Amino acid sequence: MVDIPVSYSILEAEGSRHEARAVDLSAGGLRIAGGIEVPQGSNIELRFNLSSTQREILAQGRVIMSFFNGAEQRYEQGVAFAQIAQDDQTVIDEYVRAVARALKRAASS
């Protein structure tokens, strides 16, 4: 599990950017949580920074699931990356592996 600020815009809606949090992340996509519903099938542009790097990740993705999380009182969307630089995918993969190692170490302490 991660908690990363994400800025995104819905490509079909032209215009405003929205803020959310990435609560799950992989080299293939992410799950964002925020205050607005983004319909399944929407194409979005995402921007975020990983805490271990100053590099801004820019990607386009497609919403493959969208639901309201009643327990957390927020909307969540699963997004599959459709366009992302290979270097950015590599950075994400390395970040996810580092987080997993840190969690494993913490659990065994």
C-alpha atoms as a PDB file:
ATOM      1  CA  MET A   1       0.000   0.000   0.000  1.00  0.00           C
ATOM      2  CA  VAL A   2       1.216   3.500  -0.834  1.00  0.00           C
ATOM      3  CA  ASP A   3      -0.018   7.044  -0.252  1.00  0.00           C
ATOM      4  CA  ILE A   4       1.147   9.292  -3.089  1.00  0.00           C
ATOM      5  CA  PRO A   5      -0.435  12.592  -4.200  1.00  0.00           C
ATOM      6  CA  VAL A   6      -1.669  12.396  -7.800  1.00  0.00           C
ATOM      7  CA  SER A   7      -2.925  15.116 -10.109  1.00  0.00           C
ATOM      8  CA  TYR A   8      -5.088  13.977 -13.016  1.00  0.00           C
ATOM      9  CA  SER A   9      -7.418  15.186 -15.714  1.00  0.00           C
ATOM     10  CA  ILE A  10     -10.149  13.297 -17.521  1.00  0.00           C
ATOM     11  CA  LEU A  11      -9.234  13.519 -21.194  1.00  0.00           C
ATOM     12  CA  GLU A  12     -12.830  13.327 -22.438  1.00  0.00           C
ATOM     13  CA  ALA A  13     -13.844  16.194 -20.115  1.00  0.00           C
ATOM     14  CA  GLU A  14     -11.205  18.706 -21.320  1.00  0.00           C
ATOM     15  CA  GLY A  15     -10.094  21.052 -18.678  1.00  0.00           C
ATOM     16  CA  SER A  16      -9.878  20.840 -14.951  1.00  0.00           C
ATOM     17  CA  ARG A  17      -7.327  18.894 -13.019  1.00  0.00           C
ATOM     18  CA  HIS A  18      -8.278  16.919  -9.938  1.00  0.00           C
ATOM     19  CA  GLU A  19      -6.317  15.811  -6.907  1.00  0.00           C
ATOM     20  CA  ALA A  20      -6.345  12.295  -5.486  1.00  0.00           C
ATOM     21  CA  ARG A  21      -4.086   9.850  -3.666  1.00  0.00           C
ATOM     22  CA  ALA A  22      -2.540   6.740  -5.170  1.00  0.00           C
ATOM     23  CA  VAL A  23      -3.267   3.978  -2.655  1.00  0.00           C
ATOM     24  CA  ASP A  24      -1.865   1.114  -4.723  1.00  0.00           C
ATOM     25  CA  LEU A  25       0.826   1.195  -7.410  1.00  0.00           C
ATOM     26  CA  SER A  26       2.542  -1.137  -9.862  1.00  0.00           C
ATOM     27  CA  ALA A  27       4.434  -0.786 -13.127  1.00  0.00           C
ATOM     28  CA  GLY A  28       1.155  -1.589 -14.912  1.00  0.00           C
ATOM     29  CA  GLY A  29      -1.137   0.896 -13.206  1.00  0.00           C
ATOM     30  CA  LEU A  30      -2.438   2.312  -9.957  1.00  0.00           C
ATOM     31  CA  ARG A  31      -5.510   2.735  -7.790  1.00  0.00           C
ATOM     32  CA  ILE A  32      -6.448   6.289  -6.929  1.00  0.00           C
ATOM     33  CA  ALA A  33      -8.791   7.512  -4.203  1.00  0.00           C
ATOM     34  CA  GLY A  34     -10.473  10.884  -4.140  1.00  0.00           C
ATOM     35  CA  GLY A  35     -13.623  12.928  -3.914  1.00  0.00           C
ATOM     36  CA  ILE A  36     -15.084  12.489  -7.399  1.00  0.00           C
ATOM     37  CA  GLU A  37     -16.340   9.540  -9.371  1.00  0.00           C
ATOM     38  CA  VAL A  38     -14.488   8.837 -12.603  1.00  0.00           C
ATOM     39  CA  PRO A  39     -16.534   6.516 -14.820  1.00  0.00           C
ATOM     40  CA  GLN A  40     -15.133   3.173 -15.898  1.00  0.00           C
ATOM     41  CA  GLY A  41     -13.722   3.453 -19.426  1.00  0.00           C
ATOM     42  CA  SER A  42     -12.565   7.059 -18.969  1.00  0.00           C
ATOM     43  CA  ASN A  43      -9.119   8.005 -20.255  1.00  0.00           C
ATOM     44  CA  ILE A  44      -7.086  10.091 -17.836  1.00  0.00           C
ATOM     45  CA  GLU A  45      -3.730  11.839 -17.738  1.00  0.00           C
ATOM     46  CA  LEU A  46      -1.812  11.374 -14.476  1.00  0.00           C
ATOM     47  CA  ARG A  47       1.090  13.245 -12.884  1.00  0.00           C
ATOM     48  CA  PHE A  48       2.836  12.204  -9.687  1.00  0.00           C
ATOM     49  CA  ASN A  49       6.223  12.084  -7.964  1.00  0.00           C
ATOM     50  CA  LEU A  50       7.605   9.167  -6.032  1.00  0.00           C
ATOM     51  CA  SER A  51       9.066  10.043  -2.628  1.00  0.00           C
ATOM     52  CA  SER A  52      12.408   8.472  -3.529  1.00  0.00           C
ATOM     53  CA  THR A  53      12.950  10.644  -6.604  1.00  0.00           C
ATOM     54  CA  GLN A  54      12.333  14.182  -7.797  1.00  0.00           C
ATOM     55  CA  ARG A  55      11.259  12.815 -11.173  1.00  0.00           C
ATOM     56  CA  GLU A  56       7.714  13.636 -12.249  1.00  0.00           C
ATOM     57  CA  ILE A  57       5.913  10.628 -13.691  1.00  0.00           C
ATOM     58  CA  LEU A  58       3.538  11.499 -16.533  1.00  0.00           C
ATOM     59  CA  ALA A  59       1.258   8.774 -17.868  1.00  0.00           C
ATOM     60  CA  GLN A  60      -2.040   8.209 -19.581  1.00  0.00           C
ATOM     61  CA  GLY A  61      -4.325   5.469 -18.426  1.00  0.00           C
ATOM     62  CA  ARG A  62      -7.764   3.955 -18.743  1.00  0.00           C
ATOM     63  CA  VAL A  63     -10.107   3.534 -15.774  1.00  0.00           C
ATOM     64  CA  ILE A  64     -10.819  -0.191 -15.585  1.00  0.00           C
ATOM     65  CA  MET A  65     -12.834  -0.131 -12.356  1.00  0.00           C
ATOM     66  CA  SER A  66     -14.594   2.575 -10.399  1.00  0.00           C
ATOM     67  CA  PHE A  67     -16.478   2.296  -7.117  1.00  0.00           C
ATOM     68  CA  PHE A  68     -17.442   4.116  -3.947  1.00  0.00           C
ATOM     69  CA  ASN A  69     -15.592   2.816  -0.896  1.00  0.00           C
ATOM     70  CA  GLY A  70     -18.202   3.209   1.837  1.00  0.00           C
ATOM     71  CA  ALA A  71     -15.822   2.356   4.675  1.00  0.00           C
ATOM     72  CA  GLU A  72     -13.419   5.127   3.610  1.00  0.00           C
ATOM     73  CA  GLN A  73     -16.148   7.451   2.245  1.00  0.00           C
ATOM     74  CA  ARG A  74     -14.320   8.071  -1.036  1.00  0.00           C
ATOM     75  CA  TYR A  75     -14.354   7.090  -4.702  1.00  0.00           C
ATOM     76  CA  GLU A  76     -11.671   4.727  -5.945  1.00  0.00           C
ATOM     77  CA  GLN A  77     -10.571   3.970  -9.493  1.00  0.00           C
ATOM     78  CA  GLY A  78      -8.285   1.284 -10.836  1.00  0.00           C
ATOM     79  CA  VAL A  79      -6.259   2.692 -13.720  1.00  0.00           C
ATOM     80  CA  ALA A  80      -4.245   0.658 -16.245  1.00  0.00           C
ATOM     81  CA  PHE A  81      -1.375   2.589 -17.811  1.00  0.00           C
ATOM     82  CA  ALA A  82      -1.898   3.002 -21.571  1.00  0.00           C
ATOM     83  CA  GLN A  83       1.003   5.355 -22.311  1.00  0.00           C
ATOM     84  CA  ILE A  84       4.012   5.664 -20.041  1.00  0.00           C
ATOM     85  CA  ALA A  85       7.737   5.952 -20.708  1.00  0.00           C
ATOM     86  CA  GLN A  86       9.653   2.717 -20.186  1.00  0.00           C
ATOM     87  CA  ASP A  87      12.075   4.555 -17.879  1.00  0.00           C
ATOM     88  CA  ASP A  88       9.142   5.675 -15.718  1.00  0.00           C
ATOM     89  CA  GLN A  89       7.807   2.110 -15.526  1.00  0.00           C
ATOM     90  CA  THR A  90      11.243   0.951 -14.408  1.00  0.00           C
ATOM     91  CA  VAL A  91      11.400   3.664 -11.714  1.00  0.00           C
ATOM     92  CA  ILE A  92       7.924   2.647 -10.484  1.00  0.00           C
ATOM     93  CA  ASP A  93       8.878  -1.032 -10.385  1.00  0.00           C
ATOM     94  CA  GLU A  94      12.048  -0.270  -8.389  1.00  0.00           C
ATOM     95  CA  TYR A  95      10.049   1.949  -6.003  1.00  0.00           C
ATOM     96  CA  VAL A  96       7.416  -0.756  -5.417  1.00  0.00           C
ATOM     97  CA  ARG A  97      10.106  -3.369  -4.753  1.00  0.00           C
ATOM     98  CA  ALA A  98      11.851  -1.038  -2.264  1.00  0.00           C
ATOM     99  CA  VAL A  99       8.581  -0.382  -0.414  1.00  0.00           C
ATOM    100  CA  ALA A 100       7.854  -4.130  -0.269  1.00  0.00           C
ATOM    101  CA  ARG A 101      11.340  -4.824   1.149  1.00  0.00           C
ATOM    102  CA  ALA A 102      10.904  -2.111   3.796  1.00  0.00           C
ATOM    103  CA  LEU A 103       7.502  -3.497   4.824  1.00  0.00           C
ATOM    104  CA  LYS A 104       8.925  -7.022   5.054  1.00  0.00           C
ATOM    105  CA  ARG A 105      11.804  -5.807   7.234  1.00  0.00           C
ATOM    106  CA  ALA A 106       9.392  -3.892   9.476  1.00  0.00           C
ATOM    107  CA  ALA A 107       7.143  -6.937   9.844  1.00  0.00           C
ATOM    108  CA  SER A 108      10.027  -9.183  10.855  1.00  0.00           C
ATOM    109  CA  SER A 109      11.345  -6.747  13.486  1.00  0.00           C
END
